[in-house]
């Protein structure tokens, strides 16, 4: 994990363009939402050193399909 999460780059997202860094979203509501999402992922996966373990990071990001349904993503580490 990077020490500075503002350098985190979005590579595939339905709303944020590919290559956008979290830091470039400062001053927008999306910055706090993205920061919360990334911190939730870090918290969920920290200390998970065993191969094949799963972690779930929940965050309040809304689906681009209807802008109402919360999104949660399961990551396999």
N, C-alpha and C. Protein backbone atom coordinates (compact mmCIF):
# COMPACT_ATOMS: atom_id res chain seq x y z
N UNK A 1 0.84 -1.18 0.00
CA UNK A 1 0.00 0.00 0.00
C UNK A 1 0.88 1.24 0.00
N UNK A 2 0.38 2.25 -0.65
CA UNK A 2 1.11 3.51 -0.67
C UNK A 2 0.98 4.23 0.66
N UNK A 3 2.00 4.98 1.01
CA UNK A 3 1.95 5.77 2.23
C UNK A 3 1.00 6.95 2.08
N UNK A 4 0.93 7.51 0.89
CA UNK A 4 0.08 8.67 0.64
C UNK A 4 -1.08 8.24 -0.26
N UNK A 5 -2.26 8.06 0.33
CA UNK A 5 -3.38 7.55 -0.47
C UNK A 5 -3.85 8.55 -1.52
N UNK A 6 -3.43 9.81 -1.41
CA UNK A 6 -3.80 10.78 -2.46
C UNK A 6 -3.16 10.41 -3.80
N UNK A 7 -2.12 9.58 -3.77
CA UNK A 7 -1.47 9.13 -5.00
C UNK A 7 -2.16 7.90 -5.60
N UNK A 8 -3.17 7.37 -4.92
CA UNK A 8 -3.91 6.21 -5.42
C UNK A 8 -4.54 6.56 -6.76
N UNK A 9 -4.37 5.69 -7.74
CA UNK A 9 -4.88 5.94 -9.09
C UNK A 9 -6.05 5.00 -9.38
N UNK A 10 -7.15 5.56 -9.85
CA UNK A 10 -8.31 4.75 -10.24
C UNK A 10 -8.02 4.17 -11.62
N UNK A 11 -8.15 2.83 -11.74
CA UNK A 11 -7.86 2.19 -13.02
C UNK A 11 -9.13 1.72 -13.74
N UNK A 12 -10.20 1.50 -13.00
CA UNK A 12 -11.46 1.09 -13.64
C UNK A 12 -12.61 1.49 -12.73
N UNK A 13 -13.33 2.50 -13.12
CA UNK A 13 -14.43 3.00 -12.30
C UNK A 13 -15.52 3.50 -13.24
N UNK A 14 -16.79 3.29 -12.88
CA UNK A 14 -17.87 3.70 -13.79
C UNK A 14 -18.05 5.21 -13.91
N UNK A 15 -17.52 5.99 -12.98
CA UNK A 15 -17.73 7.44 -13.03
C UNK A 15 -16.41 8.21 -13.15
N UNK A 16 -15.40 7.80 -12.39
CA UNK A 16 -14.11 8.49 -12.38
C UNK A 16 -13.28 8.03 -13.57
N UNK A 17 -12.75 8.97 -14.37
CA UNK A 17 -11.95 8.57 -15.53
C UNK A 17 -10.70 7.79 -15.14
N UNK A 18 -10.34 6.81 -15.95
CA UNK A 18 -9.13 6.01 -15.74
C UNK A 18 -7.92 6.92 -15.64
N UNK A 19 -7.07 6.64 -14.65
CA UNK A 19 -5.86 7.43 -14.47
C UNK A 19 -6.00 8.58 -13.48
N UNK A 20 -7.22 8.85 -13.03
CA UNK A 20 -7.45 9.91 -12.05
C UNK A 20 -6.87 9.51 -10.71
N UNK A 21 -6.16 10.42 -10.05
CA UNK A 21 -5.67 10.15 -8.71
C UNK A 21 -6.68 10.68 -7.70
N UNK A 22 -6.69 10.08 -6.52
CA UNK A 22 -7.58 10.54 -5.46
C UNK A 22 -7.29 12.00 -5.14
N UNK A 23 -6.02 12.37 -5.08
CA UNK A 23 -5.64 13.74 -4.75
C UNK A 23 -6.20 14.77 -5.71
N UNK A 24 -6.39 14.38 -6.97
CA UNK A 24 -6.94 15.33 -7.95
C UNK A 24 -8.42 15.62 -7.70
N UNK A 25 -9.05 14.84 -6.82
CA UNK A 25 -10.46 15.06 -6.49
C UNK A 25 -10.64 15.95 -5.26
N UNK A 26 -9.54 16.42 -4.65
CA UNK A 26 -9.64 17.27 -3.46
C UNK A 26 -10.53 18.47 -3.76
N UNK A 27 -11.34 18.80 -2.75
CA UNK A 27 -12.26 19.93 -2.89
C UNK A 27 -13.61 19.53 -3.45
N UNK A 28 -13.80 18.23 -3.72
CA UNK A 28 -15.08 17.74 -4.22
C UNK A 28 -15.64 16.72 -3.23
N UNK A 29 -16.96 16.50 -3.24
CA UNK A 29 -17.53 15.46 -2.37
C UNK A 29 -16.96 14.07 -2.68
N UNK A 30 -16.54 13.85 -3.93
CA UNK A 30 -15.99 12.56 -4.33
C UNK A 30 -14.67 12.26 -3.62
N UNK A 31 -13.94 13.30 -3.23
CA UNK A 31 -12.67 13.08 -2.53
C UNK A 31 -12.90 12.37 -1.21
N UNK A 32 -13.80 12.88 -0.39
CA UNK A 32 -14.07 12.25 0.91
C UNK A 32 -14.63 10.85 0.74
N UNK A 33 -15.50 10.67 -0.26
CA UNK A 33 -16.08 9.35 -0.53
C UNK A 33 -14.99 8.37 -0.95
N UNK A 34 -14.13 8.80 -1.87
CA UNK A 34 -13.04 7.95 -2.33
C UNK A 34 -12.05 7.64 -1.22
N UNK A 35 -11.73 8.64 -0.42
CA UNK A 35 -10.80 8.45 0.70
C UNK A 35 -11.37 7.42 1.69
N UNK A 36 -12.66 7.53 1.96
CA UNK A 36 -13.31 6.56 2.86
C UNK A 36 -13.25 5.16 2.28
N UNK A 37 -13.49 5.04 0.99
CA UNK A 37 -13.45 3.73 0.32
C UNK A 37 -12.06 3.11 0.42
N UNK A 38 -11.05 3.90 0.12
CA UNK A 38 -9.68 3.40 0.14
C UNK A 38 -9.27 3.02 1.56
N UNK A 39 -9.60 3.86 2.53
CA UNK A 39 -9.28 3.54 3.93
C UNK A 39 -10.02 2.29 4.40
N UNK A 40 -11.26 2.10 3.96
CA UNK A 40 -12.01 0.89 4.32
C UNK A 40 -11.32 -0.35 3.75
N UNK A 41 -10.83 -0.25 2.53
CA UNK A 41 -10.12 -1.36 1.92
C UNK A 41 -8.82 -1.66 2.69
N UNK A 42 -8.07 -0.62 3.03
CA UNK A 42 -6.83 -0.80 3.78
C UNK A 42 -7.12 -1.44 5.13
N UNK A 43 -8.13 -0.94 5.83
CA UNK A 43 -8.49 -1.49 7.14
C UNK A 43 -8.93 -2.95 7.04
N UNK A 44 -9.67 -3.27 5.98
CA UNK A 44 -10.18 -4.63 5.82
C UNK A 44 -9.09 -5.62 5.46
N UNK A 45 -8.04 -5.16 4.81
CA UNK A 45 -7.02 -6.09 4.34
C UNK A 45 -5.73 -6.04 5.15
N UNK A 46 -5.59 -5.08 6.03
CA UNK A 46 -4.37 -4.99 6.85
C UNK A 46 -4.27 -6.20 7.77
N UNK A 47 -3.11 -6.78 7.83
CA UNK A 47 -2.90 -7.94 8.70
C UNK A 47 -3.41 -9.24 8.10
N UNK A 48 -3.85 -9.20 6.88
CA UNK A 48 -4.37 -10.40 6.22
C UNK A 48 -3.23 -11.00 5.40
N UNK A 49 -2.35 -11.72 6.07
CA UNK A 49 -1.16 -12.24 5.42
C UNK A 49 -1.31 -13.66 4.88
N UNK A 50 -2.44 -14.29 5.16
CA UNK A 50 -2.62 -15.67 4.72
C UNK A 50 -3.14 -15.71 3.28
N UNK A 51 -2.50 -16.52 2.45
CA UNK A 51 -2.90 -16.68 1.06
C UNK A 51 -4.29 -17.30 0.98
N UNK A 52 -5.12 -16.78 0.07
CA UNK A 52 -6.45 -17.35 -0.14
C UNK A 52 -7.52 -16.80 0.78
N UNK A 53 -7.19 -15.87 1.65
CA UNK A 53 -8.18 -15.26 2.54
C UNK A 53 -8.92 -14.16 1.79
N UNK A 54 -10.17 -13.94 2.16
CA UNK A 54 -10.98 -12.91 1.54
C UNK A 54 -11.21 -11.76 2.50
N UNK A 55 -11.38 -10.58 1.96
CA UNK A 55 -11.71 -9.41 2.76
C UNK A 55 -12.82 -8.65 2.05
N UNK A 56 -13.68 -8.03 2.81
CA UNK A 56 -14.77 -7.26 2.24
C UNK A 56 -14.65 -5.84 2.75
N UNK A 57 -14.60 -4.90 1.83
CA UNK A 57 -14.54 -3.49 2.20
C UNK A 57 -15.85 -2.83 1.79
N UNK A 58 -16.58 -2.35 2.77
CA UNK A 58 -17.84 -1.64 2.49
C UNK A 58 -17.60 -0.14 2.51
N UNK A 59 -18.24 0.55 1.63
CA UNK A 59 -18.17 1.99 1.59
C UNK A 59 -19.46 2.49 0.95
N UNK A 60 -19.80 3.73 1.22
CA UNK A 60 -21.06 4.26 0.73
C UNK A 60 -20.87 4.92 -0.63
N UNK A 61 -20.62 4.10 -1.63
CA UNK A 61 -20.49 4.56 -3.00
C UNK A 61 -21.74 4.09 -3.71
N UNK A 62 -22.39 4.96 -4.47
CA UNK A 62 -23.65 4.60 -5.11
C UNK A 62 -23.42 4.09 -6.53
N UNK A 63 -24.25 3.15 -6.93
CA UNK A 63 -24.16 2.55 -8.26
C UNK A 63 -24.38 3.61 -9.34
N UNK A 64 -23.58 3.55 -10.39
CA UNK A 64 -23.75 4.46 -11.52
C UNK A 64 -25.01 4.13 -12.31
N UNK A 65 -25.56 2.92 -12.10
CA UNK A 65 -26.76 2.52 -12.84
C UNK A 65 -28.00 3.31 -12.42
N UNK A 66 -28.16 3.49 -11.10
CA UNK A 66 -29.37 4.18 -10.64
C UNK A 66 -29.09 5.29 -9.63
N UNK A 67 -27.83 5.52 -9.29
CA UNK A 67 -27.40 6.53 -8.32
C UNK A 67 -28.17 6.41 -6.99
N UNK A 68 -28.56 5.21 -6.63
CA UNK A 68 -29.29 4.99 -5.38
C UNK A 68 -28.82 3.74 -4.65
N UNK A 69 -28.45 2.71 -5.39
CA UNK A 69 -28.07 1.45 -4.80
C UNK A 69 -26.63 1.51 -4.29
N UNK A 70 -26.41 1.23 -2.99
CA UNK A 70 -25.04 1.22 -2.48
C UNK A 70 -24.22 0.11 -3.15
N UNK A 71 -22.94 0.37 -3.32
CA UNK A 71 -22.03 -0.59 -3.95
C UNK A 71 -21.10 -1.15 -2.88
N UNK A 72 -20.88 -2.46 -2.90
CA UNK A 72 -19.83 -3.06 -2.08
C UNK A 72 -19.05 -3.99 -2.99
N UNK A 73 -17.76 -4.07 -2.75
CA UNK A 73 -16.87 -4.84 -3.60
C UNK A 73 -16.11 -5.84 -2.75
N UNK A 74 -16.03 -7.06 -3.22
CA UNK A 74 -15.28 -8.09 -2.51
C UNK A 74 -13.94 -8.25 -3.21
N UNK A 75 -12.87 -8.16 -2.44
CA UNK A 75 -11.52 -8.30 -2.98
C UNK A 75 -10.92 -9.61 -2.49
N UNK A 76 -10.28 -10.33 -3.38
CA UNK A 76 -9.55 -11.53 -2.98
C UNK A 76 -8.08 -11.14 -2.91
N UNK A 77 -7.51 -11.43 -1.78
CA UNK A 77 -6.11 -11.06 -1.59
C UNK A 77 -5.25 -12.27 -1.70
